[in-house]
Amino acid sequence: MHQQPRDPRIGLLLVGFSPIAPLTAIARHLGWPGEVLSDPDRDLYGRLGIGRAPWWRIYTPRTLAIYARALRGGRRLSRPVEDTRQLGADAITVGSTVRAVWRPRSPDDRPDAADVIARATETLHEIGRTR
């Protein structure tokens, strides 16, 4: 289950480039508590400067270890049907202004959810002090 922010002013939004139906299905399967949007043309990715990684950053030892554990656990790996080199990101926005972006170098280089939520809370407090 993903961590839910305590402050009701903080919303969670997952944006992917898959069609909305499979994207929503995987988000629900993973316990994502927020909204889900599809960006098939990757417009938001481009605006946030989120690119594609070279293969050596995708298939890192840590990522390969995840696959190895899955295989040892009896799972079958399926062939990817999408762009496995497209990186994700985590961002904090207020209105339409981006306040912070974490751009990973590989799929396993993501901030802890608690850190993103803490930063979002700090951002709200900073905005409240300047108004």
C-alpha atoms as a PDB file:
ATOM      1  CA  MET A   1       0.000   0.000   0.000  1.00  0.00           C
ATOM      2  CA  HIS A   2       1.234   3.471  -0.817  1.00  0.00           C
ATOM      3  CA  GLN A   3       1.554   6.094   1.859  1.00  0.00           C
ATOM      4  CA  GLN A   4      -1.375   8.486   1.992  1.00  0.00           C
ATOM      5  CA  PRO A   5      -0.626  12.135   2.847  1.00  0.00           C
ATOM      6  CA  ARG A   6      -2.130  13.332   6.122  1.00  0.00           C
ATOM      7  CA  ASP A   7      -2.782  16.845   4.845  1.00  0.00           C
ATOM      8  CA  PRO A   8      -6.002  16.834   2.774  1.00  0.00           C
ATOM      9  CA  ARG A   9      -4.573  19.610   0.568  1.00  0.00           C
ATOM     10  CA  ILE A  10      -2.010  17.145  -0.805  1.00  0.00           C
ATOM     11  CA  GLY A  11      -3.356  14.992  -3.614  1.00  0.00           C
ATOM     12  CA  LEU A  12      -1.643  12.062  -5.275  1.00  0.00           C
ATOM     13  CA  LEU A  13      -1.626  11.798  -9.055  1.00  0.00           C
ATOM     14  CA  LEU A  14      -0.140   8.994 -11.106  1.00  0.00           C
ATOM     15  CA  VAL A  15       0.611   9.852 -14.738  1.00  0.00           C
ATOM     16  CA  GLY A  16       1.593   7.149 -17.200  1.00  0.00           C
ATOM     17  CA  PHE A  17       1.837   6.784 -20.949  1.00  0.00           C
ATOM     18  CA  SER A  18      -0.187   3.562 -21.158  1.00  0.00           C
ATOM     19  CA  PRO A  19      -3.840   3.599 -22.173  1.00  0.00           C
ATOM     20  CA  ILE A  20      -5.999   4.562 -19.187  1.00  0.00           C
ATOM     21  CA  ALA A  21      -7.704   1.170 -18.619  1.00  0.00           C
ATOM     22  CA  PRO A  22      -4.540  -0.922 -18.092  1.00  0.00           C
ATOM     23  CA  LEU A  23      -2.837   1.959 -16.283  1.00  0.00           C
ATOM     24  CA  THR A  24      -5.732   2.231 -13.827  1.00  0.00           C
ATOM     25  CA  ALA A  25      -5.834  -1.548 -13.375  1.00  0.00           C
ATOM     26  CA  ILE A  26      -2.146  -1.763 -12.418  1.00  0.00           C
ATOM     27  CA  ALA A  27      -2.426   1.288 -10.166  1.00  0.00           C
ATOM     28  CA  ARG A  28      -5.311  -0.297  -8.259  1.00  0.00           C
ATOM     29  CA  HIS A  29      -3.501  -3.646  -8.120  1.00  0.00           C
ATOM     30  CA  LEU A  30      -0.501  -1.895  -6.551  1.00  0.00           C
ATOM     31  CA  GLY A  31      -2.700  -0.086  -4.036  1.00  0.00           C
ATOM     32  CA  TRP A  32      -2.276   3.401  -5.488  1.00  0.00           C
ATOM     33  CA  PRO A  33      -4.681   5.631  -3.514  1.00  0.00           C
ATOM     34  CA  GLY A  34      -4.675   8.649  -5.829  1.00  0.00           C
ATOM     35  CA  GLU A  35      -5.940   9.697  -9.220  1.00  0.00           C
ATOM     36  CA  VAL A  36      -4.617   8.165 -12.462  1.00  0.00           C
ATOM     37  CA  LEU A  37      -4.089  10.023 -15.759  1.00  0.00           C
ATOM     38  CA  SER A  38      -2.861   8.784 -19.131  1.00  0.00           C
ATOM     39  CA  ASP A  39      -0.361  10.857 -21.144  1.00  0.00           C
ATOM     40  CA  PRO A  40       0.172   8.695 -24.260  1.00  0.00           C
ATOM     41  CA  ASP A  41       2.006  11.453 -26.132  1.00  0.00           C
ATOM     42  CA  ARG A  42       4.235  12.042 -23.083  1.00  0.00           C
ATOM     43  CA  ASP A  43       3.612  15.794 -23.102  1.00  0.00           C
ATOM     44  CA  LEU A  44       3.995  16.086 -19.335  1.00  0.00           C
ATOM     45  CA  TYR A  45       7.130  13.958 -19.432  1.00  0.00           C
ATOM     46  CA  GLY A  46       8.631  16.406 -21.925  1.00  0.00           C
ATOM     47  CA  ARG A  47       7.594  19.488 -19.946  1.00  0.00           C
ATOM     48  CA  LEU A  48       9.177  18.079 -16.791  1.00  0.00           C
ATOM     49  CA  GLY A  49      12.346  17.037 -18.626  1.00  0.00           C
ATOM     50  CA  ILE A  50      11.809  13.332 -18.001  1.00  0.00           C
ATOM     51  CA  GLY A  51      13.658  11.388 -20.654  1.00  0.00           C
ATOM     52  CA  ARG A  52      14.499   7.864 -21.575  1.00  0.00           C
ATOM     53  CA  ALA A  53      17.416   6.082 -19.976  1.00  0.00           C
ATOM     54  CA  PRO A  54      20.161   4.172 -21.771  1.00  0.00           C
ATOM     55  CA  TRP A  55      19.807   0.390 -21.363  1.00  0.00           C
ATOM     56  CA  TRP A  56      22.694   0.175 -18.856  1.00  0.00           C
ATOM     57  CA  ARG A  57      20.749   2.402 -16.455  1.00  0.00           C
ATOM     58  CA  ILE A  58      17.584   0.335 -16.848  1.00  0.00           C
ATOM     59  CA  TYR A  59      19.123  -3.080 -16.301  1.00  0.00           C
ATOM     60  CA  THR A  60      21.193  -2.216 -13.237  1.00  0.00           C
ATOM     61  CA  PRO A  61      22.400  -4.912 -10.826  1.00  0.00           C
ATOM     62  CA  ARG A  62      19.632  -3.901  -8.430  1.00  0.00           C
ATOM     63  CA  THR A  63      16.955  -4.177 -11.130  1.00  0.00           C
ATOM     64  CA  LEU A  64      18.313  -7.517 -12.313  1.00  0.00           C
ATOM     65  CA  ALA A  65      18.223  -8.744  -8.698  1.00  0.00           C
ATOM     66  CA  ILE A  66      14.504  -7.941  -8.576  1.00  0.00           C
ATOM     67  CA  TYR A  67      13.953 -10.068 -11.692  1.00  0.00           C
ATOM     68  CA  ALA A  68      16.100 -12.867 -10.256  1.00  0.00           C
ATOM     69  CA  ARG A  69      14.075 -12.907  -7.021  1.00  0.00           C
ATOM     70  CA  ALA A  70      10.857 -13.078  -9.038  1.00  0.00           C
ATOM     71  CA  LEU A  71      12.169 -16.024 -11.060  1.00  0.00           C
ATOM     72  CA  ARG A  72      13.361 -17.830  -7.922  1.00  0.00           C
ATOM     73  CA  GLY A  73       9.901 -17.273  -6.455  1.00  0.00           C
ATOM     74  CA  GLY A  74       8.344 -19.102  -9.401  1.00  0.00           C
ATOM     75  CA  ARG A  75       7.101 -16.085 -11.331  1.00  0.00           C
ATOM     76  CA  ARG A  76       7.220 -16.037 -15.107  1.00  0.00           C
ATOM     77  CA  LEU A  77       8.555 -12.860 -16.658  1.00  0.00           C
ATOM     78  CA  SER A  78       6.583 -11.567 -19.603  1.00  0.00           C
ATOM     79  CA  ARG A  79       7.950  -9.632 -22.536  1.00  0.00           C
ATOM     80  CA  PRO A  80       7.568  -5.880 -22.150  1.00  0.00           C
ATOM     81  CA  VAL A  81       4.843  -4.367 -24.295  1.00  0.00           C
ATOM     82  CA  GLU A  82       5.845  -0.764 -23.668  1.00  0.00           C
ATOM     83  CA  ASP A  83       8.900   1.465 -23.597  1.00  0.00           C
ATOM     84  CA  THR A  84      10.985   0.044 -20.758  1.00  0.00           C
ATOM     85  CA  ARG A  85      13.517   2.847 -21.093  1.00  0.00           C
ATOM     86  CA  GLN A  86      11.043   5.657 -20.325  1.00  0.00           C
ATOM     87  CA  LEU A  87      11.848   6.942 -16.869  1.00  0.00           C
ATOM     88  CA  GLY A  88       9.284   8.116 -14.380  1.00  0.00           C
ATOM     89  CA  ALA A  89       9.589  10.972 -11.925  1.00  0.00           C
ATOM     90  CA  ASP A  90       8.075  12.430  -8.803  1.00  0.00           C
ATOM     91  CA  ALA A  91       6.972  16.048  -8.676  1.00  0.00           C
ATOM     92  CA  ILE A  92       5.300  18.551  -6.405  1.00  0.00           C
ATOM     93  CA  THR A  93       3.059  21.109  -8.039  1.00  0.00           C
ATOM     94  CA  VAL A  94       0.979  23.888  -6.591  1.00  0.00           C
ATOM     95  CA  GLY A  95      -1.687  24.899  -9.041  1.00  0.00           C
ATOM     96  CA  SER A  96       0.118  24.744 -12.354  1.00  0.00           C
ATOM     97  CA  THR A  97       3.543  25.625 -10.914  1.00  0.00           C
ATOM     98  CA  VAL A  98       6.105  22.869 -10.475  1.00  0.00           C
ATOM     99  CA  ARG A  99       7.825  23.329  -7.103  1.00  0.00           C
ATOM    100  CA  ALA A 100      10.096  20.255  -7.066  1.00  0.00           C
ATOM    101  CA  VAL A 101      10.943  17.367  -9.393  1.00  0.00           C
ATOM    102  CA  TRP A 102      12.883  14.204  -8.679  1.00  0.00           C
ATOM    103  CA  ARG A 103      14.259  12.818 -11.956  1.00  0.00           C
ATOM    104  CA  PRO A 104      15.669   9.321 -11.484  1.00  0.00           C
ATOM    105  CA  ARG A 105      18.689   7.997 -13.335  1.00  0.00           C
ATOM    106  CA  SER A 106      17.272   4.448 -13.301  1.00  0.00           C
ATOM    107  CA  PRO A 107      13.954   2.766 -12.424  1.00  0.00           C
ATOM    108  CA  ASP A 108      15.143   1.950  -8.899  1.00  0.00           C
ATOM    109  CA  ASP A 109      16.369   5.504  -8.202  1.00  0.00           C
ATOM    110  CA  ARG A 110      13.193   6.941  -6.717  1.00  0.00           C
ATOM    111  CA  PRO A 111      12.655   8.945  -3.530  1.00  0.00           C
ATOM    112  CA  ASP A 112      10.859   7.427  -0.594  1.00  0.00           C
ATOM    113  CA  ALA A 113       7.151   8.350  -0.591  1.00  0.00           C
ATOM    114  CA  ALA A 114       7.491   9.774   2.922  1.00  0.00           C
ATOM    115  CA  ASP A 115      10.193  12.172   1.675  1.00  0.00           C
ATOM    116  CA  VAL A 116       8.005  13.429  -1.180  1.00  0.00           C
ATOM    117  CA  ILE A 117       5.021  13.899   1.132  1.00  0.00           C
ATOM    118  CA  ALA A 118       7.201  15.693   3.710  1.00  0.00           C
ATOM    119  CA  ARG A 119       8.511  18.023   0.993  1.00  0.00           C
ATOM    120  CA  ALA A 120       4.957  18.698  -0.201  1.00  0.00           C
ATOM    121  CA  THR A 121       3.929  19.562   3.357  1.00  0.00           C
ATOM    122  CA  GLU A 122       6.934  21.905   3.713  1.00  0.00           C
ATOM    123  CA  THR A 123       6.015  23.548   0.396  1.00  0.00           C
ATOM    124  CA  LEU A 124       2.473  24.202   1.609  1.00  0.00           C
ATOM    125  CA  HIS A 125       3.818  25.771   4.810  1.00  0.00           C
ATOM    126  CA  GLU A 126       6.250  27.955   2.822  1.00  0.00           C
ATOM    127  CA  ILE A 127       3.450  29.156   0.558  1.00  0.00           C
ATOM    128  CA  GLY A 128       1.269  29.889   3.592  1.00  0.00           C
ATOM    129  CA  ARG A 129       4.036  32.069   5.100  1.00  0.00           C
ATOM    130  CA  THR A 130       4.450  34.106   1.920  1.00  0.00           C
ATOM    131  CA  ARG A 131       0.763  34.927   1.495  1.00  0.00           C
END
